[in-house]
N, C-alpha and C. Protein backbone atom coordinates (compact mmCIF):
# COMPACT_ATOMS: atom_id res chain seq x y z
N MET A 1 55.70 31.76 -14.54
CA MET A 1 55.41 31.97 -15.94
C MET A 1 54.02 32.60 -16.04
N SER A 2 53.86 33.55 -16.94
CA SER A 2 52.59 34.24 -17.11
C SER A 2 51.55 33.32 -17.73
N ARG A 3 50.29 33.73 -17.64
CA ARG A 3 49.21 32.94 -18.24
C ARG A 3 49.43 32.79 -19.75
N GLY A 4 49.87 33.87 -20.38
CA GLY A 4 50.18 33.80 -21.81
C GLY A 4 51.31 32.83 -22.09
N GLY A 5 52.30 32.80 -21.19
CA GLY A 5 53.42 31.87 -21.34
C GLY A 5 52.97 30.43 -21.25
N TRP A 6 52.05 30.15 -20.31
CA TRP A 6 51.52 28.79 -20.18
C TRP A 6 50.73 28.41 -21.41
N ARG A 7 49.95 29.35 -21.94
CA ARG A 7 49.20 29.06 -23.17
C ARG A 7 50.15 28.73 -24.31
N MET A 8 51.21 29.52 -24.42
CA MET A 8 52.16 29.27 -25.48
C MET A 8 52.87 27.94 -25.26
N LEU A 9 53.20 27.60 -24.03
CA LEU A 9 53.83 26.33 -23.74
C LEU A 9 52.90 25.19 -24.12
N PHE A 10 51.62 25.29 -23.73
CA PHE A 10 50.64 24.26 -24.11
C PHE A 10 50.54 24.17 -25.62
N ALA A 11 50.48 25.32 -26.28
CA ALA A 11 50.36 25.34 -27.73
C ALA A 11 51.57 24.69 -28.37
N MET A 12 52.75 24.99 -27.89
CA MET A 12 53.96 24.42 -28.46
C MET A 12 53.98 22.92 -28.26
N LYS A 13 53.61 22.44 -27.07
CA LYS A 13 53.56 21.00 -26.83
C LYS A 13 52.58 20.35 -27.79
N THR A 14 51.45 20.98 -27.96
CA THR A 14 50.43 20.44 -28.85
C THR A 14 50.94 20.41 -30.28
N TRP A 15 51.55 21.49 -30.72
CA TRP A 15 52.06 21.55 -32.09
C TRP A 15 53.18 20.56 -32.29
N TRP A 16 54.03 20.43 -31.33
CA TRP A 16 55.13 19.49 -31.47
C TRP A 16 54.59 18.08 -31.60
N ARG A 17 53.56 17.77 -30.82
CA ARG A 17 52.95 16.45 -30.92
C ARG A 17 52.38 16.23 -32.31
N ILE A 18 51.76 17.24 -32.83
CA ILE A 18 51.21 17.14 -34.18
C ILE A 18 52.34 16.94 -35.18
N GLY A 19 53.41 17.70 -35.01
CA GLY A 19 54.55 17.56 -35.90
C GLY A 19 55.11 16.16 -35.89
N VAL A 20 55.15 15.56 -34.73
CA VAL A 20 55.64 14.19 -34.61
C VAL A 20 54.74 13.26 -35.39
N VAL A 21 53.46 13.44 -35.27
CA VAL A 21 52.51 12.60 -36.00
C VAL A 21 52.79 12.72 -37.48
N LEU A 22 53.02 13.93 -37.90
CA LEU A 22 53.22 14.15 -39.32
C LEU A 22 54.55 13.64 -39.82
N LEU A 23 55.55 13.65 -38.98
CA LEU A 23 56.87 13.22 -39.42
C LEU A 23 57.10 11.73 -39.28
N SER A 24 56.25 11.02 -38.58
CA SER A 24 56.52 9.60 -38.40
C SER A 24 55.45 8.77 -39.05
N MET A 25 55.83 7.68 -39.65
CA MET A 25 54.87 6.81 -40.32
C MET A 25 55.18 5.35 -40.05
N SER A 26 54.12 4.58 -39.94
CA SER A 26 54.23 3.15 -39.79
C SER A 26 53.53 2.53 -40.99
N PHE A 27 54.24 1.72 -41.76
CA PHE A 27 53.67 1.24 -43.01
C PHE A 27 53.58 -0.26 -43.04
N VAL A 28 52.40 -0.71 -43.41
CA VAL A 28 52.15 -2.12 -43.61
C VAL A 28 51.90 -2.30 -45.09
N GLY A 29 52.36 -3.39 -45.66
CA GLY A 29 52.09 -3.66 -47.06
C GLY A 29 52.97 -2.87 -48.01
N LEU A 30 54.15 -2.49 -47.60
CA LEU A 30 55.04 -1.77 -48.49
C LEU A 30 55.62 -2.74 -49.52
N ALA A 31 55.74 -2.25 -50.73
CA ALA A 31 56.36 -3.03 -51.79
C ALA A 31 57.54 -2.22 -52.31
N PRO A 32 58.73 -2.38 -51.73
CA PRO A 32 59.86 -1.53 -52.05
C PRO A 32 60.20 -1.47 -53.53
N ALA A 33 60.11 -2.56 -54.25
CA ALA A 33 60.45 -2.53 -55.67
C ALA A 33 59.49 -1.64 -56.44
N GLN A 34 58.22 -1.65 -56.09
CA GLN A 34 57.23 -0.86 -56.80
C GLN A 34 57.24 0.59 -56.33
N ALA A 35 57.67 0.85 -55.12
CA ALA A 35 57.63 2.20 -54.56
C ALA A 35 59.03 2.80 -54.45
N ALA A 36 59.93 2.38 -55.34
CA ALA A 36 61.33 2.81 -55.25
C ALA A 36 61.46 4.33 -55.30
N GLY A 37 60.73 4.99 -56.18
CA GLY A 37 60.82 6.45 -56.29
C GLY A 37 60.35 7.15 -55.03
N GLU A 38 59.25 6.66 -54.47
CA GLU A 38 58.70 7.26 -53.25
C GLU A 38 59.64 7.07 -52.07
N VAL A 39 60.22 5.88 -51.97
CA VAL A 39 61.15 5.59 -50.88
C VAL A 39 62.42 6.42 -51.04
N ALA A 40 62.90 6.55 -52.28
CA ALA A 40 64.10 7.37 -52.53
C ALA A 40 63.85 8.82 -52.13
N LEU A 41 62.65 9.32 -52.40
CA LEU A 41 62.32 10.69 -52.01
C LEU A 41 62.39 10.85 -50.49
N LEU A 42 61.81 9.90 -49.75
CA LEU A 42 61.88 9.95 -48.29
C LEU A 42 63.33 9.87 -47.81
N GLU A 43 64.11 8.96 -48.39
CA GLU A 43 65.49 8.77 -47.96
C GLU A 43 66.37 9.97 -48.27
N SER A 44 65.94 10.83 -49.18
CA SER A 44 66.73 12.03 -49.48
C SER A 44 66.75 13.00 -48.29
N TYR A 45 65.89 12.78 -47.30
CA TYR A 45 65.84 13.63 -46.11
C TYR A 45 66.63 13.06 -44.94
N ILE A 46 67.31 11.93 -45.14
CA ILE A 46 68.11 11.33 -44.07
C ILE A 46 69.23 12.29 -43.66
N GLY A 47 69.39 12.46 -42.36
CA GLY A 47 70.44 13.32 -41.84
C GLY A 47 70.02 14.02 -40.56
N ASN A 48 70.86 14.95 -40.13
CA ASN A 48 70.61 15.73 -38.91
C ASN A 48 70.14 17.12 -39.31
N TRP A 49 69.03 17.56 -38.73
CA TRP A 49 68.40 18.83 -39.06
C TRP A 49 68.27 19.69 -37.82
N GLN A 50 68.31 21.01 -38.02
CA GLN A 50 68.10 21.97 -36.92
C GLN A 50 67.22 23.10 -37.43
N GLY A 51 66.41 23.64 -36.53
CA GLY A 51 65.57 24.76 -36.91
C GLY A 51 65.27 25.66 -35.73
N GLU A 52 64.98 26.91 -36.03
CA GLU A 52 64.62 27.88 -35.00
C GLU A 52 63.38 28.62 -35.45
N GLY A 53 62.57 28.98 -34.49
CA GLY A 53 61.37 29.76 -34.79
C GLY A 53 60.92 30.49 -33.56
N ALA A 54 59.78 31.14 -33.69
CA ALA A 54 59.19 31.85 -32.56
C ALA A 54 57.69 31.61 -32.57
N LEU A 55 57.15 31.35 -31.41
CA LEU A 55 55.71 31.21 -31.25
C LEU A 55 55.17 32.61 -31.03
N VAL A 56 54.33 33.10 -31.95
CA VAL A 56 53.82 34.47 -31.87
C VAL A 56 52.32 34.47 -31.65
N GLY A 57 51.83 35.57 -31.09
CA GLY A 57 50.41 35.72 -30.83
C GLY A 57 50.09 35.83 -29.36
N GLY A 58 51.07 35.58 -28.50
CA GLY A 58 50.87 35.70 -27.05
C GLY A 58 51.32 37.07 -26.58
N ASP A 59 51.67 37.15 -25.30
CA ASP A 59 52.15 38.41 -24.73
C ASP A 59 53.39 38.92 -25.47
N ARG A 60 54.27 38.00 -25.84
CA ARG A 60 55.46 38.34 -26.61
C ARG A 60 55.91 37.07 -27.33
N PRO A 61 56.65 37.22 -28.43
CA PRO A 61 57.14 36.02 -29.13
C PRO A 61 58.01 35.16 -28.22
N GLU A 62 57.82 33.86 -28.28
CA GLU A 62 58.60 32.92 -27.48
C GLU A 62 59.49 32.11 -28.42
N PRO A 63 60.82 32.30 -28.34
CA PRO A 63 61.72 31.57 -29.23
C PRO A 63 61.83 30.10 -28.84
N PHE A 64 62.08 29.26 -29.84
CA PHE A 64 62.37 27.86 -29.56
C PHE A 64 63.30 27.33 -30.63
N ARG A 65 64.01 26.26 -30.27
CA ARG A 65 64.97 25.62 -31.16
C ARG A 65 64.63 24.14 -31.23
N CYS A 66 64.80 23.57 -32.42
CA CYS A 66 64.47 22.16 -32.62
C CYS A 66 65.63 21.44 -33.30
N ARG A 67 65.76 20.16 -32.99
CA ARG A 67 66.68 19.26 -33.66
C ARG A 67 65.88 18.07 -34.14
N LEU A 68 66.26 17.53 -35.28
CA LEU A 68 65.55 16.39 -35.86
C LEU A 68 66.58 15.49 -36.53
N THR A 69 66.53 14.20 -36.24
CA THR A 69 67.39 13.22 -36.89
C THR A 69 66.51 12.26 -37.67
N ILE A 70 66.80 12.12 -38.95
CA ILE A 70 66.06 11.19 -39.81
C ILE A 70 67.05 10.13 -40.27
N ALA A 71 66.68 8.85 -40.08
CA ALA A 71 67.56 7.73 -40.40
C ALA A 71 66.81 6.67 -41.18
N LYS A 72 67.56 5.88 -41.95
CA LYS A 72 66.97 4.77 -42.70
C LYS A 72 66.45 3.74 -41.71
N GLY A 73 65.23 3.29 -41.92
CA GLY A 73 64.63 2.28 -41.07
C GLY A 73 64.54 0.95 -41.78
N ASN A 74 63.78 0.03 -41.22
CA ASN A 74 63.56 -1.28 -41.82
C ASN A 74 62.44 -1.22 -42.83
N GLN A 75 62.45 -2.13 -43.79
CA GLN A 75 61.37 -2.32 -44.75
C GLN A 75 60.94 -1.02 -45.41
N ALA A 76 61.86 -0.29 -45.97
CA ALA A 76 61.59 0.94 -46.72
C ALA A 76 60.96 2.04 -45.88
N LYS A 77 61.25 2.06 -44.60
CA LYS A 77 60.76 3.11 -43.71
C LYS A 77 61.88 4.09 -43.39
N VAL A 78 61.50 5.29 -43.03
CA VAL A 78 62.44 6.29 -42.54
C VAL A 78 62.03 6.59 -41.10
N ASN A 79 62.97 6.46 -40.18
CA ASN A 79 62.69 6.74 -38.76
C ASN A 79 63.16 8.15 -38.41
N TYR A 80 62.50 8.75 -37.45
CA TYR A 80 62.94 10.06 -37.01
C TYR A 80 62.80 10.19 -35.50
N THR A 81 63.66 11.04 -34.95
CA THR A 81 63.58 11.44 -33.55
C THR A 81 63.85 12.94 -33.52
N GLY A 82 63.17 13.62 -32.63
CA GLY A 82 63.33 15.07 -32.57
C GLY A 82 63.17 15.59 -31.16
N ARG A 83 63.67 16.81 -30.97
CA ARG A 83 63.58 17.46 -29.66
C ARG A 83 63.49 18.96 -29.90
N CYS A 84 62.57 19.60 -29.19
CA CYS A 84 62.43 21.06 -29.24
C CYS A 84 62.49 21.62 -27.83
N ALA A 85 63.12 22.78 -27.69
CA ALA A 85 63.18 23.48 -26.41
C ALA A 85 62.40 24.78 -26.53
N LEU A 86 61.44 24.97 -25.62
CA LEU A 86 60.61 26.18 -25.57
C LEU A 86 60.52 26.62 -24.13
N VAL A 87 60.82 27.87 -23.87
CA VAL A 87 60.78 28.44 -22.53
C VAL A 87 61.51 27.48 -21.59
N ASN A 88 60.80 26.83 -20.67
CA ASN A 88 61.42 25.90 -19.73
C ASN A 88 61.01 24.46 -19.98
N ALA A 89 60.61 24.14 -21.21
CA ALA A 89 60.14 22.80 -21.51
C ALA A 89 60.95 22.20 -22.65
N THR A 90 61.08 20.88 -22.63
CA THR A 90 61.69 20.14 -23.73
C THR A 90 60.68 19.12 -24.21
N LEU A 91 60.43 19.11 -25.51
CA LEU A 91 59.48 18.18 -26.10
C LEU A 91 60.24 17.21 -26.99
N SER A 92 59.93 15.92 -26.87
CA SER A 92 60.59 14.89 -27.67
C SER A 92 59.56 14.15 -28.50
N ILE A 93 59.98 13.76 -29.72
CA ILE A 93 59.10 13.00 -30.60
C ILE A 93 59.89 11.87 -31.24
N SER A 94 59.18 10.87 -31.72
CA SER A 94 59.81 9.81 -32.50
C SER A 94 58.73 9.14 -33.34
N GLY A 95 59.17 8.50 -34.42
CA GLY A 95 58.22 7.81 -35.27
C GLY A 95 58.85 7.34 -36.56
N THR A 96 57.99 6.98 -37.51
CA THR A 96 58.44 6.51 -38.82
C THR A 96 57.62 7.17 -39.92
N ILE A 97 58.23 7.27 -41.09
CA ILE A 97 57.58 7.78 -42.28
C ILE A 97 57.81 6.75 -43.38
N ALA A 98 56.79 6.49 -44.18
CA ALA A 98 56.94 5.52 -45.26
C ALA A 98 55.89 5.77 -46.33
N PHE A 99 56.04 5.03 -47.43
CA PHE A 99 55.04 5.07 -48.49
C PHE A 99 54.28 3.76 -48.45
N ASN A 100 52.97 3.83 -48.32
CA ASN A 100 52.11 2.65 -48.28
C ASN A 100 51.69 2.35 -49.71
N GLU A 101 52.33 1.35 -50.31
CA GLU A 101 52.08 1.02 -51.72
C GLU A 101 50.64 0.58 -51.94
N THR A 102 50.07 -0.17 -51.02
CA THR A 102 48.69 -0.65 -51.17
C THR A 102 47.72 0.51 -51.25
N ALA A 103 47.87 1.48 -50.38
CA ALA A 103 46.97 2.64 -50.36
C ALA A 103 47.46 3.76 -51.28
N ARG A 104 48.68 3.63 -51.83
CA ARG A 104 49.29 4.64 -52.71
C ARG A 104 49.36 6.01 -52.03
N ARG A 105 49.89 6.02 -50.80
CA ARG A 105 49.99 7.28 -50.07
C ARG A 105 51.13 7.22 -49.06
N TYR A 106 51.59 8.40 -48.67
CA TYR A 106 52.56 8.52 -47.60
C TYR A 106 51.81 8.52 -46.28
N GLU A 107 52.43 7.94 -45.25
CA GLU A 107 51.83 7.90 -43.92
C GLU A 107 52.91 8.19 -42.89
N ALA A 108 52.54 8.91 -41.86
CA ALA A 108 53.49 9.24 -40.79
C ALA A 108 52.85 8.88 -39.45
N ALA A 109 53.56 8.11 -38.65
CA ALA A 109 53.11 7.77 -37.30
C ALA A 109 54.08 8.37 -36.31
N MET A 110 53.57 8.84 -35.16
CA MET A 110 54.44 9.48 -34.19
C MET A 110 53.98 9.25 -32.78
N SER A 111 54.91 9.50 -31.86
CA SER A 111 54.59 9.53 -30.44
C SER A 111 55.49 10.58 -29.80
N SER A 112 55.06 11.08 -28.63
CA SER A 112 55.83 12.14 -27.98
C SER A 112 55.88 11.93 -26.48
N ASN A 113 56.80 12.65 -25.84
CA ASN A 113 56.90 12.59 -24.39
C ASN A 113 55.74 13.32 -23.72
N ALA A 114 54.92 14.01 -24.49
CA ALA A 114 53.75 14.69 -23.95
C ALA A 114 52.51 13.80 -24.01
N GLY A 115 52.69 12.53 -24.40
CA GLY A 115 51.59 11.58 -24.38
C GLY A 115 50.75 11.55 -25.64
N PHE A 116 51.20 12.18 -26.71
CA PHE A 116 50.43 12.23 -27.94
C PHE A 116 50.94 11.18 -28.92
N THR A 117 50.03 10.45 -29.55
CA THR A 117 50.36 9.55 -30.64
C THR A 117 49.37 9.79 -31.76
N GLY A 118 49.77 9.52 -32.97
CA GLY A 118 48.85 9.75 -34.07
C GLY A 118 49.41 9.32 -35.41
N LEU A 119 48.57 9.47 -36.45
CA LEU A 119 48.89 9.10 -37.81
C LEU A 119 48.43 10.22 -38.73
N ALA A 120 49.28 10.60 -39.67
CA ALA A 120 48.91 11.63 -40.65
C ALA A 120 49.17 11.09 -42.05
N ILE A 121 48.32 11.48 -42.97
CA ILE A 121 48.45 11.09 -44.37
C ILE A 121 49.17 12.21 -45.11
N GLY A 122 50.16 11.84 -45.92
CA GLY A 122 50.91 12.83 -46.68
C GLY A 122 50.43 12.91 -48.11
N GLN A 123 50.37 14.12 -48.65
CA GLN A 123 50.00 14.36 -50.04
C GLN A 123 51.27 14.69 -50.82
N GLU A 124 51.49 14.00 -51.94
CA GLU A 124 52.68 14.23 -52.75
C GLU A 124 52.28 14.89 -54.05
N ARG A 125 52.96 16.00 -54.36
CA ARG A 125 52.74 16.71 -55.62
C ARG A 125 54.09 17.23 -56.11
N GLY A 126 54.52 16.74 -57.23
CA GLY A 126 55.73 17.25 -57.85
C GLY A 126 56.97 17.21 -56.97
N GLY A 127 57.22 16.12 -56.28
CA GLY A 127 58.41 16.00 -55.45
C GLY A 127 58.28 16.65 -54.09
N GLN A 128 57.11 17.16 -53.76
CA GLN A 128 56.84 17.81 -52.47
C GLN A 128 55.84 16.94 -51.70
N ILE A 129 56.11 16.73 -50.42
CA ILE A 129 55.18 15.96 -49.58
C ILE A 129 54.69 16.88 -48.47
N SER A 130 53.38 16.95 -48.31
CA SER A 130 52.77 17.80 -47.29
C SER A 130 51.91 16.95 -46.37
N PHE A 131 52.17 17.05 -45.07
CA PHE A 131 51.37 16.36 -44.06
C PHE A 131 50.59 17.41 -43.29
N ASP A 132 49.28 17.31 -43.32
CA ASP A 132 48.42 18.28 -42.63
C ASP A 132 47.61 17.57 -41.56
N LEU A 133 47.51 18.21 -40.40
CA LEU A 133 46.73 17.66 -39.30
C LEU A 133 45.91 18.76 -38.67
N ARG A 134 44.64 18.51 -38.48
CA ARG A 134 43.73 19.45 -37.81
C ARG A 134 42.96 18.66 -36.76
N GLU A 135 42.89 19.20 -35.56
CA GLU A 135 42.12 18.52 -34.52
C GLU A 135 41.70 19.49 -33.44
N GLN A 136 40.81 19.03 -32.59
CA GLN A 136 40.34 19.79 -31.43
C GLN A 136 40.89 19.12 -30.18
N GLN A 137 41.30 19.94 -29.23
CA GLN A 137 41.75 19.43 -27.94
C GLN A 137 41.26 20.37 -26.86
N LYS A 138 41.54 20.03 -25.62
CA LYS A 138 41.21 20.87 -24.46
C LYS A 138 42.50 21.42 -23.88
N ASP A 139 42.47 22.70 -23.44
CA ASP A 139 43.64 23.24 -22.77
C ASP A 139 43.58 22.84 -21.30
N ARG A 140 44.54 23.30 -20.51
CA ARG A 140 44.60 22.91 -19.09
C ARG A 140 43.38 23.33 -18.31
N GLY A 141 42.70 24.38 -18.74
CA GLY A 141 41.50 24.85 -18.07
C GLY A 141 40.23 24.18 -18.56
N GLY A 142 40.35 23.25 -19.52
CA GLY A 142 39.19 22.55 -20.05
C GLY A 142 38.52 23.24 -21.22
N SER A 143 39.09 24.34 -21.71
CA SER A 143 38.51 25.07 -22.84
C SER A 143 38.92 24.42 -24.16
N ASP A 144 38.05 24.55 -25.17
CA ASP A 144 38.33 23.99 -26.49
C ASP A 144 39.46 24.75 -27.17
N VAL A 145 40.31 24.01 -27.87
CA VAL A 145 41.43 24.56 -28.61
C VAL A 145 41.45 23.88 -29.98
N ARG A 146 41.54 24.68 -31.05
CA ARG A 146 41.69 24.13 -32.40
C ARG A 146 43.17 24.15 -32.74
N ILE A 147 43.67 23.03 -33.23
CA ILE A 147 45.09 22.88 -33.51
C ILE A 147 45.28 22.48 -34.96
N GLY A 148 46.23 23.12 -35.61
CA GLY A 148 46.57 22.76 -36.98
C GLY A 148 48.08 22.73 -37.14
N SER A 149 48.55 21.80 -37.95
CA SER A 149 49.97 21.68 -38.19
C SER A 149 50.19 21.22 -39.62
N ARG A 150 51.26 21.70 -40.21
CA ARG A 150 51.61 21.29 -41.56
C ARG A 150 53.11 21.06 -41.60
N ILE A 151 53.50 19.91 -42.10
CA ILE A 151 54.91 19.62 -42.32
C ILE A 151 55.11 19.50 -43.82
N LEU A 152 56.05 20.24 -44.31
CA LEU A 152 56.30 20.29 -45.74
C LEU A 152 57.72 19.82 -46.03
N LEU A 153 57.83 18.78 -46.85
CA LEU A 153 59.12 18.27 -47.32
C LEU A 153 59.20 18.66 -48.80
N VAL A 154 60.08 19.59 -49.14
CA VAL A 154 60.16 20.05 -50.53
C VAL A 154 61.59 20.46 -50.88
N ASN A 155 62.05 19.98 -52.02
CA ASN A 155 63.38 20.33 -52.54
C ASN A 155 64.48 20.18 -51.50
N GLY A 156 64.43 19.10 -50.73
CA GLY A 156 65.47 18.85 -49.74
C GLY A 156 65.37 19.71 -48.49
N ASN A 157 64.27 20.40 -48.30
CA ASN A 157 64.06 21.25 -47.12
C ASN A 157 62.86 20.76 -46.32
N ILE A 158 62.87 21.04 -45.03
CA ILE A 158 61.76 20.69 -44.14
C ILE A 158 61.29 21.97 -43.46
N THR A 159 59.98 22.20 -43.48
CA THR A 159 59.38 23.32 -42.76
C THR A 159 58.18 22.80 -41.98
N VAL A 160 58.05 23.22 -40.73
CA VAL A 160 56.90 22.86 -39.91
C VAL A 160 56.18 24.14 -39.52
N ASP A 161 54.88 24.22 -39.86
CA ASP A 161 54.03 25.37 -39.51
C ASP A 161 52.99 24.92 -38.49
N PHE A 162 52.72 25.78 -37.51
CA PHE A 162 51.76 25.47 -36.46
C PHE A 162 50.75 26.60 -36.32
N GLU A 163 49.56 26.24 -35.85
CA GLU A 163 48.55 27.24 -35.50
C GLU A 163 47.68 26.67 -34.39
N VAL A 164 47.48 27.46 -33.34
CA VAL A 164 46.60 27.06 -32.23
C VAL A 164 45.62 28.19 -32.00
N GLU A 165 44.33 27.86 -31.99
CA GLU A 165 43.30 28.86 -31.70
C GLU A 165 42.56 28.45 -30.44
N PHE A 166 42.54 29.37 -29.46
CA PHE A 166 41.80 29.15 -28.23
C PHE A 166 40.38 29.63 -28.48
N ASN A 167 39.44 28.69 -28.61
CA ASN A 167 38.07 29.02 -29.02
C ASN A 167 37.38 30.02 -28.10
N ASN A 168 37.59 29.93 -26.79
CA ASN A 168 36.91 30.85 -25.86
C ASN A 168 37.36 32.29 -26.03
N SER A 169 38.64 32.50 -26.23
CA SER A 169 39.17 33.87 -26.32
C SER A 169 39.36 34.34 -27.75
N GLY A 170 39.48 33.41 -28.68
CA GLY A 170 39.78 33.78 -30.06
C GLY A 170 41.26 34.03 -30.30
N ASN A 171 42.09 33.92 -29.26
CA ASN A 171 43.53 34.11 -29.42
C ASN A 171 44.10 33.02 -30.32
N VAL A 172 45.02 33.42 -31.19
CA VAL A 172 45.66 32.49 -32.12
C VAL A 172 47.17 32.60 -31.95
N LEU A 173 47.82 31.45 -31.80
CA LEU A 173 49.28 31.37 -31.72
C LEU A 173 49.77 30.67 -32.98
N THR A 174 50.81 31.20 -33.61
CA THR A 174 51.35 30.60 -34.82
C THR A 174 52.87 30.51 -34.73
N ALA A 175 53.41 29.60 -35.51
CA ALA A 175 54.86 29.46 -35.60
C ALA A 175 55.20 28.79 -36.92
N SER A 176 56.36 29.11 -37.44
CA SER A 176 56.90 28.44 -38.62
C SER A 176 58.37 28.16 -38.34
N VAL A 177 58.76 26.90 -38.51
CA VAL A 177 60.14 26.51 -38.23
C VAL A 177 60.76 25.90 -39.48
N PRO A 178 61.66 26.63 -40.13
CA PRO A 178 62.41 26.04 -41.25
C PRO A 178 63.60 25.25 -40.69
N PHE A 179 63.80 24.05 -41.20
CA PHE A 179 64.92 23.22 -40.77
C PHE A 179 66.00 23.22 -41.84
N ALA A 180 67.25 23.10 -41.41
CA ALA A 180 68.39 23.00 -42.33
C ALA A 180 69.33 21.93 -41.80
N GLN A 181 70.09 21.33 -42.72
CA GLN A 181 71.07 20.31 -42.33
C GLN A 181 72.37 20.96 -41.99
């Protein structure tokens, strides 16, 4: 695999990990009776989802395909599991999404087979929930990498957008994956 291919593979793994964080939530202090509307909104996404996209910005666009299953969980939570295939790698994620009544916000917790775990806060506006995550990491060579991810749940659709910037080179890799049931 070319150097650009490895960068894209690293970027995709990183983005997928971020996506998992954004799609999964662990909630303490949920009050289902008070948060019925918020829970109903999350439950409207229950089902099997598939999406395709391309990671662009490297030597050439790298196609990938993703599957996502969202299921009703315990205590007003929604659980999810997902898998994406990129080049010669498969990335897996799992987690929960819920509405934290005490904090009055959506929260997503996730973990992945790439060793990433995290929590993202969701912003709700007009029936749309957006989970944004920005962080710094190191690539395989020890160079700084800026990573951003956004998961958008709107009108019964799911879209995941990614961006990775390699600080030393200034190269930027982006992808957008629309999911459908």
